PDB file of N, CA and C in Angstrom:
ATOM      1  N   MET A   1       8.764  -7.430  17.080  1.00  0.00           N
ATOM      2  CA  MET A   1       7.644  -8.315  16.483  1.00  0.00           C
ATOM      3  C   MET A   1       8.088  -8.752  14.981  1.00  0.00           C
ATOM      4  N   ALA A   2       8.218 -10.108  14.932  1.00  0.00           N
ATOM      5  CA  ALA A   2       8.645 -10.701  13.812  1.00  0.00           C
ATOM      6  C   ALA A   2       7.613 -10.726  12.661  1.00  0.00           C
ATOM      7  N   ARG A   3       7.826 -10.376  11.376  1.00  0.00           N
ATOM      8  CA  ARG A   3       6.959 -10.203  10.416  1.00  0.00           C
ATOM      9  C   ARG A   3       6.676 -11.802   9.877  1.00  0.00           C
ATOM     10  N   ARG A   4       5.315 -11.660   9.436  1.00  0.00           N
ATOM     11  CA  ARG A   4       4.954 -12.918   8.916  1.00  0.00           C
ATOM     12  C   ARG A   4       5.885 -13.504   7.448  1.00  0.00           C
ATOM     13  N   TYR A   5       6.030 -12.573   6.672  1.00  0.00           N
ATOM     14  CA  TYR A   5       6.770 -12.959   5.382  1.00  0.00           C
ATOM     15  C   TYR A   5       8.040 -12.231   5.246  1.00  0.00           C
ATOM     16  N   GLY A   6       8.686 -11.831   6.326  1.00  0.00           N
ATOM     17  CA  GLY A   6      10.015 -11.350   6.126  1.00  0.00           C
ATOM     18  C   GLY A   6       9.830  -9.767   6.069  1.00  0.00           C
ATOM     19  N   GLU A   7      10.749  -9.150   5.342  1.00  0.00           N
ATOM     20  CA  GLU A   7      10.880  -7.544   5.286  1.00  0.00           C
ATOM     21  C   GLU A   7       9.597  -7.036   4.705  1.00  0.00           C
ATOM     22  N   ALA A   8       9.347  -5.838   5.098  1.00  0.00           N
ATOM     23  CA  ALA A   8       8.153  -5.154   4.663  1.00  0.00           C
ATOM     24  C   ALA A   8       8.143  -4.907   3.295  1.00  0.00           C
ATOM     25  N   TYR A   9       7.033  -5.162   2.513  1.00  0.00           N
ATOM     26  CA  TYR A   9       7.045  -4.959   1.032  1.00  0.00           C
ATOM     27  C   TYR A   9       7.136  -3.461   0.641  1.00  0.00           C
ATOM     28  N   TRP A  10       6.971  -2.572   1.504  1.00  0.00           N
ATOM     29  CA  TRP A  10       6.774  -1.141   1.155  1.00  0.00           C
ATOM     30  C   TRP A  10       8.355  -0.666   1.339  1.00  0.00           C
ATOM     31  N   THR A  11       9.065  -1.413   1.900  1.00  0.00           N
ATOM     32  CA  THR A  11      10.627  -1.075   2.068  1.00  0.00           C
ATOM     33  C   THR A  11      11.446  -1.652   0.907  1.00  0.00           C
ATOM     34  N   LYS A  12      10.934  -2.764   0.275  1.00  0.00           N
ATOM     35  CA  LYS A  12      11.639  -3.243  -0.944  1.00  0.00           C
ATOM     36  C   LYS A  12      11.178  -2.913  -2.223  1.00  0.00           C
ATOM     37  N   GLU A  13      10.183  -2.152  -2.369  1.00  0.00           N
ATOM     38  CA  GLU A  13       9.446  -1.958  -3.597  1.00  0.00           C
ATOM     39  C   GLU A  13       9.071  -0.408  -3.675  1.00  0.00           C
ATOM     40  N   GLN A  14       9.369   0.329  -4.794  1.00  0.00           N
ATOM     41  CA  GLN A  14       8.864   1.564  -5.022  1.00  0.00           C
ATOM     42  C   GLN A  14       7.518   1.426  -5.787  1.00  0.00           C
ATOM     43  N   PRO A  15       6.406   1.994  -5.023  1.00  0.00           N
ATOM     44  CA  PRO A  15       5.080   1.812  -5.512  1.00  0.00           C
ATOM     45  C   PRO A  15       4.621   2.876  -6.726  1.00  0.00           C
ATOM     46  N   ILE A  16       3.680   2.526  -7.462  1.00  0.00           N
ATOM     47  CA  ILE A  16       3.310   3.428  -8.519  1.00  0.00           C
ATOM     48  C   ILE A  16       2.086   4.216  -7.723  1.00  0.00           C
ATOM     49  N   GLU A  17       2.282   5.528  -7.793  1.00  0.00           N
ATOM     50  CA  GLU A  17       1.324   6.358  -6.932  1.00  0.00           C
ATOM     51  C   GLU A  17       0.598   7.260  -7.723  1.00  0.00           C
ATOM     52  N   VAL A  18      -0.690   7.450  -7.317  1.00  0.00           N
ATOM     53  CA  VAL A  18      -1.677   8.519  -7.759  1.00  0.00           C
ATOM     54  C   VAL A  18      -2.356   9.297  -6.559  1.00  0.00           C
ATOM     55  N   LYS A  19      -2.296  10.581  -6.493  1.00  0.00           N
ATOM     56  CA  LYS A  19      -3.014  11.305  -5.490  1.00  0.00           C
ATOM     57  C   LYS A  19      -4.269  12.055  -6.109  1.00  0.00           C
ATOM     58  N   THR A  20      -5.361  11.988  -5.543  1.00  0.00           N
ATOM     59  CA  THR A  20      -6.552  12.749  -5.990  1.00  0.00           C
ATOM     60  C   THR A  20      -6.598  13.898  -4.786  1.00  0.00           C
ATOM     61  N   LYS A  21      -7.693  14.443  -4.774  1.00  0.00           N
ATOM     62  CA  LYS A  21      -7.913  15.535  -4.013  1.00  0.00           C
ATOM     63  C   LYS A  21      -8.097  14.914  -2.619  1.00  0.00           C
ATOM     64  N   ARG A  22      -8.577  13.624  -2.382  1.00  0.00           N
ATOM     65  CA  ARG A  22      -8.739  13.137  -1.151  1.00  0.00           C
ATOM     66  C   ARG A  22      -8.150  11.775  -0.884  1.00  0.00           C
ATOM     67  N   VAL A  23      -7.547  11.117  -1.822  1.00  0.00           N
ATOM     68  CA  VAL A  23      -7.282   9.711  -1.855  1.00  0.00           C
ATOM     69  C   VAL A  23      -5.936   9.538  -2.465  1.00  0.00           C
ATOM     70  N   TRP A  24      -4.973   8.857  -1.659  1.00  0.00           N
ATOM     71  CA  TRP A  24      -3.649   8.389  -2.145  1.00  0.00           C
ATOM     72  C   TRP A  24      -3.550   6.891  -2.396  1.00  0.00           C
ATOM     73  N   LEU A  25      -3.392   6.623  -3.751  1.00  0.00           N
ATOM     74  CA  LEU A  25      -3.378   5.150  -3.970  1.00  0.00           C
ATOM     75  C   LEU A  25      -1.997   4.741  -4.170  1.00  0.00           C
ATOM     76  N   SER A  26      -1.475   3.799  -3.804  1.00  0.00           N
ATOM     77  CA  SER A  26      -0.064   3.235  -4.014  1.00  0.00           C
ATOM     78  C   SER A  26      -0.233   1.655  -4.344  1.00  0.00           C
ATOM     79  N   TYR A  27       0.279   1.469  -5.630  1.00  0.00           N
ATOM     80  CA  TYR A  27       0.142  -0.030  -6.140  1.00  0.00           C
ATOM     81  C   TYR A  27       1.690  -0.422  -6.028  1.00  0.00           C
ATOM     82  N   PHE A  28       1.760  -1.638  -5.360  1.00  0.00           N
ATOM     83  CA  PHE A  28       2.993  -2.453  -5.330  1.00  0.00           C
ATOM     84  C   PHE A  28       2.830  -3.676  -6.062  1.00  0.00           C
ATOM     85  N   PRO A  29       3.246  -3.683  -7.364  1.00  0.00           N
ATOM     86  CA  PRO A  29       2.914  -4.871  -8.211  1.00  0.00           C
ATOM     87  C   PRO A  29       3.638  -6.083  -7.789  1.00  0.00           C
ATOM     88  N   GLN A  30       4.911  -6.100  -7.514  1.00  0.00           N
ATOM     89  CA  GLN A  30       5.592  -7.240  -7.024  1.00  0.00           C
ATOM     90  C   GLN A  30       4.964  -7.911  -5.797  1.00  0.00           C
ATOM     91  N   ALA A  31       4.503  -7.103  -4.843  1.00  0.00           N
ATOM     92  CA  ALA A  31       4.012  -7.665  -3.564  1.00  0.00           C
ATOM     93  C   ALA A  31       2.434  -7.917  -3.681  1.00  0.00           C
ATOM     94  N   GLY A  32       1.831  -7.571  -4.804  1.00  0.00           N
ATOM     95  CA  GLY A  32       0.441  -7.729  -5.230  1.00  0.00           C
ATOM     96  C   GLY A  32      -0.317  -6.969  -3.921  1.00  0.00           C
ATOM     97  N   LYS A  33      -0.169  -5.669  -3.760  1.00  0.00           N
ATOM     98  CA  LYS A  33      -0.749  -4.981  -2.811  1.00  0.00           C
ATOM     99  C   LYS A  33      -1.249  -3.581  -3.599  1.00  0.00           C
ATOM    100  N   LEU A  34      -2.489  -3.087  -2.871  1.00  0.00           N
ATOM    101  CA  LEU A  34      -2.854  -1.829  -3.577  1.00  0.00           C
ATOM    102  C   LEU A  34      -3.311  -1.319  -2.175  1.00  0.00           C
ATOM    103  N   GLN A  35      -2.748  -0.083  -1.943  1.00  0.00           N
ATOM    104  CA  GLN A  35      -3.137   0.653  -0.696  1.00  0.00           C
ATOM    105  C   GLN A  35      -3.973   1.864  -1.120  1.00  0.00           C
ATOM    106  N   LEU A  36      -5.033   2.159  -0.329  1.00  0.00           N
ATOM    107  CA  LEU A  36      -5.754   3.346  -0.457  1.00  0.00           C
ATOM    108  C   LEU A  36      -5.758   4.067   0.838  1.00  0.00           C
ATOM    109  N   ALA A  37      -5.542   5.293   0.696  1.00  0.00           N
ATOM    110  CA  ALA A  37      -5.524   5.996   2.046  1.00  0.00           C
ATOM    111  C   ALA A  37      -5.930   7.572   1.818  1.00  0.00           C
ATOM    112  N   THR A  38      -6.584   7.933   2.978  1.00  0.00           N
ATOM    113  CA  THR A  38      -6.874   9.437   3.052  1.00  0.00           C
ATOM    114  C   THR A  38      -5.476  10.060   3.515  1.00  0.00           C
ATOM    115  N   TYR A  39      -5.269  11.426   3.046  1.00  0.00           N
ATOM    116  CA  TYR A  39      -4.308  12.178   3.591  1.00  0.00           C
ATOM    117  C   TYR A  39      -4.317  13.513   3.795  1.00  0.00           C
ATOM    118  N   PHE A  40      -3.488  14.080   4.586  1.00  0.00           N
ATOM    119  CA  PHE A  40      -3.399  15.538   4.932  1.00  0.00           C
ATOM    120  C   PHE A  40      -2.034  16.030   4.934  1.00  0.00           C
ATOM    121  N   LYS A  41      -1.999  17.394   4.948  1.00  0.00           N
ATOM    122  CA  LYS A  41      -0.765  18.201   4.875  1.00  0.00           C
ATOM    123  C   LYS A  41      -0.481  18.466   6.251  1.00  0.00           C
ATOM    124  N   LYS A  42       0.852  18.280   6.589  1.00  0.00           N
ATOM    125  CA  LYS A  42       1.404  18.815   7.942  1.00  0.00           C
ATOM    126  C   LYS A  42       2.889  19.089   7.723  1.00  0.00           C
ATOM    127  N   ASP A  43       3.079  20.324   7.973  1.00  0.00           N
ATOM    128  CA  ASP A  43       4.489  21.088   7.786  1.00  0.00           C
ATOM    129  C   ASP A  43       4.874  20.851   6.260  1.00  0.00           C
ATOM    130  N   GLY A  44       4.064  21.108   5.481  1.00  0.00           N
ATOM    131  CA  GLY A  44       4.140  21.090   4.057  1.00  0.00           C
ATOM    132  C   GLY A  44       4.280  19.508   3.413  1.00  0.00           C
ATOM    133  N   GLU A  45       4.157  18.604   4.243  1.00  0.00           N
ATOM    134  CA  GLU A  45       4.357  17.236   3.730  1.00  0.00           C
ATOM    135  C   GLU A  45       3.031  16.463   3.925  1.00  0.00           C
ATOM    136  N   ASP A  46       2.817  15.554   2.893  1.00  0.00           N
ATOM    137  CA  ASP A  46       1.458  14.694   2.961  1.00  0.00           C
ATOM    138  C   ASP A  46       1.692  13.615   3.716  1.00  0.00           C
ATOM    139  N   ILE A  47       0.887  13.367   4.640  1.00  0.00           N
ATOM    140  CA  ILE A  47       0.799  12.312   5.713  1.00  0.00           C
ATOM    141  C   ILE A  47      -0.437  11.559   5.491  1.00  0.00           C
ATOM    142  N   ARG A  48      -0.146  10.070   5.373  1.00  0.00           N
ATOM    143  CA  ARG A  48      -1.334   9.253   5.040  1.00  0.00           C
ATOM    144  C   ARG A  48      -1.987   8.809   6.441  1.00  0.00           C
ATOM    145  N   ALA A  49      -3.270   8.576   6.334  1.00  0.00           N
ATOM    146  CA  ALA A  49      -4.063   8.374   7.492  1.00  0.00           C
ATOM    147  C   ALA A  49      -5.169   7.388   6.983  1.00  0.00           C
ATOM    148  N   LYS A  50      -5.598   6.525   7.729  1.00  0.00           N
ATOM    149  CA  LYS A  50      -6.646   5.590   7.385  1.00  0.00           C
ATOM    150  C   LYS A  50      -6.400   4.703   6.215  1.00  0.00           C
ATOM    151  N   VAL A  51      -5.282   3.921   6.343  1.00  0.00           N
ATOM    152  CA  VAL A  51      -4.839   3.224   5.123  1.00  0.00           C
ATOM    153  C   VAL A  51      -5.410   1.934   5.109  1.00  0.00           C
ATOM    154  N   VAL A  52      -5.995   1.437   3.923  1.00  0.00           N
ATOM    155  CA  VAL A  52      -6.608   0.281   3.624  1.00  0.00           C
ATOM    156  C   VAL A  52      -5.754  -0.575   2.494  1.00  0.00           C
ATOM    157  N   THR A  53      -5.320  -1.745   2.886  1.00  0.00           N
ATOM    158  CA  THR A  53      -4.559  -2.403   1.771  1.00  0.00           C
ATOM    159  C   THR A  53      -5.301  -3.633   1.227  1.00  0.00           C
ATOM    160  N   LEU A  54      -5.549  -3.668  -0.163  1.00  0.00           N
ATOM    161  CA  LEU A  54      -6.213  -4.696  -0.901  1.00  0.00           C
ATOM    162  C   LEU A  54      -4.905  -5.629  -1.195  1.00  0.00           C
ATOM    163  N   ASP A  55      -5.159  -6.967  -0.912  1.00  0.00           N
ATOM    164  CA  ASP A  55      -4.221  -7.989  -1.205  1.00  0.00           C
ATOM    165  C   ASP A  55      -4.598  -8.866  -2.260  1.00  0.00           C
ATOM    166  N   GLN A  56      -3.808  -8.908  -3.238  1.00  0.00           N
ATOM    167  CA  GLN A  56      -3.860  -9.724  -4.402  1.00  0.00           C
ATOM    168  C   GLN A  56      -4.383 -11.284  -4.153  1.00  0.00           C
ATOM    169  N   GLU A  57      -3.628 -11.694  -3.256  1.00  0.00           N
ATOM    170  CA  GLU A  57      -4.111 -13.314  -3.115  1.00  0.00           C
ATOM    171  C   GLU A  57      -5.324 -13.394  -2.176  1.00  0.00           C
ATOM    172  N   ASP A  58      -5.634 -12.473  -1.514  1.00  0.00           N
ATOM    173  CA  ASP A  58      -7.070 -12.585  -0.588  1.00  0.00           C
ATOM    174  C   ASP A  58      -8.231 -12.155  -1.640  1.00  0.00           C
ATOM    175  N   ILE A  59      -8.034 -11.206  -2.559  1.00  0.00           N
ATOM    176  CA  ILE A  59      -9.016 -11.100  -3.490  1.00  0.00           C
ATOM    177  C   ILE A  59      -9.235 -12.197  -4.578  1.00  0.00           C
ATOM    178  N   ALA A  60      -8.115 -12.870  -4.966  1.00  0.00           N
ATOM    179  CA  ALA A  60      -8.177 -14.007  -5.801  1.00  0.00           C
ATOM    180  C   ALA A  60      -8.908 -15.202  -5.294  1.00  0.00           C
ATOM    181  N   LEU A  61      -8.732 -15.186  -3.681  1.00  0.00           N
ATOM    182  CA  LEU A  61      -9.523 -16.388  -3.108  1.00  0.00           C
ATOM    183  C   LEU A  61     -10.879 -16.036  -2.859  1.00  0.00           C
ATOM    184  N   HIS A  62     -11.303 -14.888  -3.129  1.00  0.00           N
ATOM    185  CA  HIS A  62     -12.822 -14.596  -3.024  1.00  0.00           C
ATOM    186  C   HIS A  62     -13.220 -13.666  -4.195  1.00  0.00           C
ATOM    187  N   PRO A  63     -13.730 -14.500  -5.168  1.00  0.00           N
ATOM    188  CA  PRO A  63     -14.134 -13.816  -6.433  1.00  0.00           C
ATOM    189  C   PRO A  63     -15.252 -13.016  -6.329  1.00  0.00           C
ATOM    190  N   GLU A  64     -16.112 -13.016  -5.210  1.00  0.00           N
ATOM    191  CA  GLU A  64     -17.216 -11.868  -5.138  1.00  0.00           C
ATOM    192  C   GLU A  64     -16.504 -10.683  -4.960  1.00  0.00           C
ATOM    193  N   ALA A  65     -15.437 -10.667  -4.149  1.00  0.00           N
ATOM    194  CA  ALA A  65     -14.951  -9.386  -3.732  1.00  0.00           C
ATOM    195  C   ALA A  65     -14.333  -8.749  -5.010  1.00  0.00           C
ATOM    196  N   ARG A  66     -13.567  -9.574  -5.767  1.00  0.00           N
ATOM    197  CA  ARG A  66     -13.127  -9.190  -7.196  1.00  0.00           C
ATOM    198  C   ARG A  66     -14.210  -8.541  -8.080  1.00  0.00           C
ATOM    199  N   ASP A  67     -15.197  -9.421  -7.957  1.00  0.00           N
ATOM    200  CA  ASP A  67     -16.307  -8.841  -8.809  1.00  0.00           C
ATOM    201  C   ASP A  67     -16.854  -7.734  -8.538  1.00  0.00           C
ATOM    202  N   LEU A  68     -17.102  -7.305  -7.027  1.00  0.00           N
ATOM    203  CA  LEU A  68     -17.626  -6.028  -6.555  1.00  0.00           C
ATOM    204  C   LEU A  68     -16.714  -4.924  -7.043  1.00  0.00           C
ATOM    205  N   ILE A  69     -15.293  -5.058  -6.949  1.00  0.00           N
ATOM    206  CA  ILE A  69     -14.386  -4.111  -7.259  1.00  0.00           C
ATOM    207  C   ILE A  69     -14.517  -3.762  -8.598  1.00  0.00           C
ATOM    208  N   LEU A  70     -14.594  -4.730  -9.425  1.00  0.00           N
ATOM    209  CA  LEU A  70     -14.586  -4.636 -11.026  1.00  0.00           C
ATOM    210  C   LEU A  70     -16.014  -3.896 -11.431  1.00  0.00           C
ATOM    211  N   ARG A  71     -17.106  -4.268 -10.718  1.00  0.00           N
ATOM    212  CA  ARG A  71     -18.316  -3.689 -10.998  1.00  0.00           C
ATOM    213  C   ARG A  71     -18.432  -2.187 -10.628  1.00  0.00           C
ATOM    214  N   ALA A  72     -17.758  -1.899  -9.564  1.00  0.00           N
ATOM    215  CA  ALA A  72     -17.805  -0.411  -9.032  1.00  0.00           C
ATOM    216  C   ALA A  72     -16.844   0.355 -10.010  1.00  0.00           C
ATOM    217  N   LEU A  73     -15.702  -0.293 -10.380  1.00  0.00           N
ATOM    218  CA  LEU A  73     -14.921   0.609 -11.331  1.00  0.00           C
ATOM    219  C   LEU A  73     -15.498   0.809 -12.671  1.00  0.00           C
ATOM    220  N   GLU A  74     -16.157  -0.272 -13.240  1.00  0.00           N
ATOM    221  CA  GLU A  74     -16.966  -0.153 -14.500  1.00  0.00           C
ATOM    222  C   GLU A  74     -18.124   0.933 -14.407  1.00  0.00           C
ATOM    223  N   ASP A  75     -18.738   0.923 -13.283  1.00  0.00           N
ATOM    224  CA  ASP A  75     -19.958   1.758 -13.105  1.00  0.00           C
ATOM    225  C   ASP A  75     -19.364   3.279 -13.037  1.00  0.00           C
ATOM    226  N   TRP A  76     -18.053   3.354 -12.525  1.00  0.00           N
ATOM    227  CA  TRP A  76     -17.584   4.871 -12.368  1.00  0.00           C
ATOM    228  C   TRP A  76     -16.899   5.350 -13.538  1.00  0.00           C
ATOM    229  N   ARG A  77     -16.814   4.314 -14.724  1.00  0.00           N
ATOM    230  CA  ARG A  77     -16.137   4.856 -15.780  1.00  0.00           C
ATOM    231  C   ARG A  77     -16.609   5.884 -16.411  1.00  0.00           C
TER     232      ARG A  77
END
């Protein structure tokens, strides 16, 4: 299957990552992607599950989505 924009961004860029007890966040600044995933351990290795990717271009095109994300982050401060 051909990729829409060429090589997969996660193979070209090392993400900035943070893991909490339940969520694994991976930020790819060059690609404009933020991944949020649940994860579990298998054979001593962390395995991602249920990955959601927020896309900078999509969020920029929908200000109401950006505003909701910013509101949630501010409320949680």
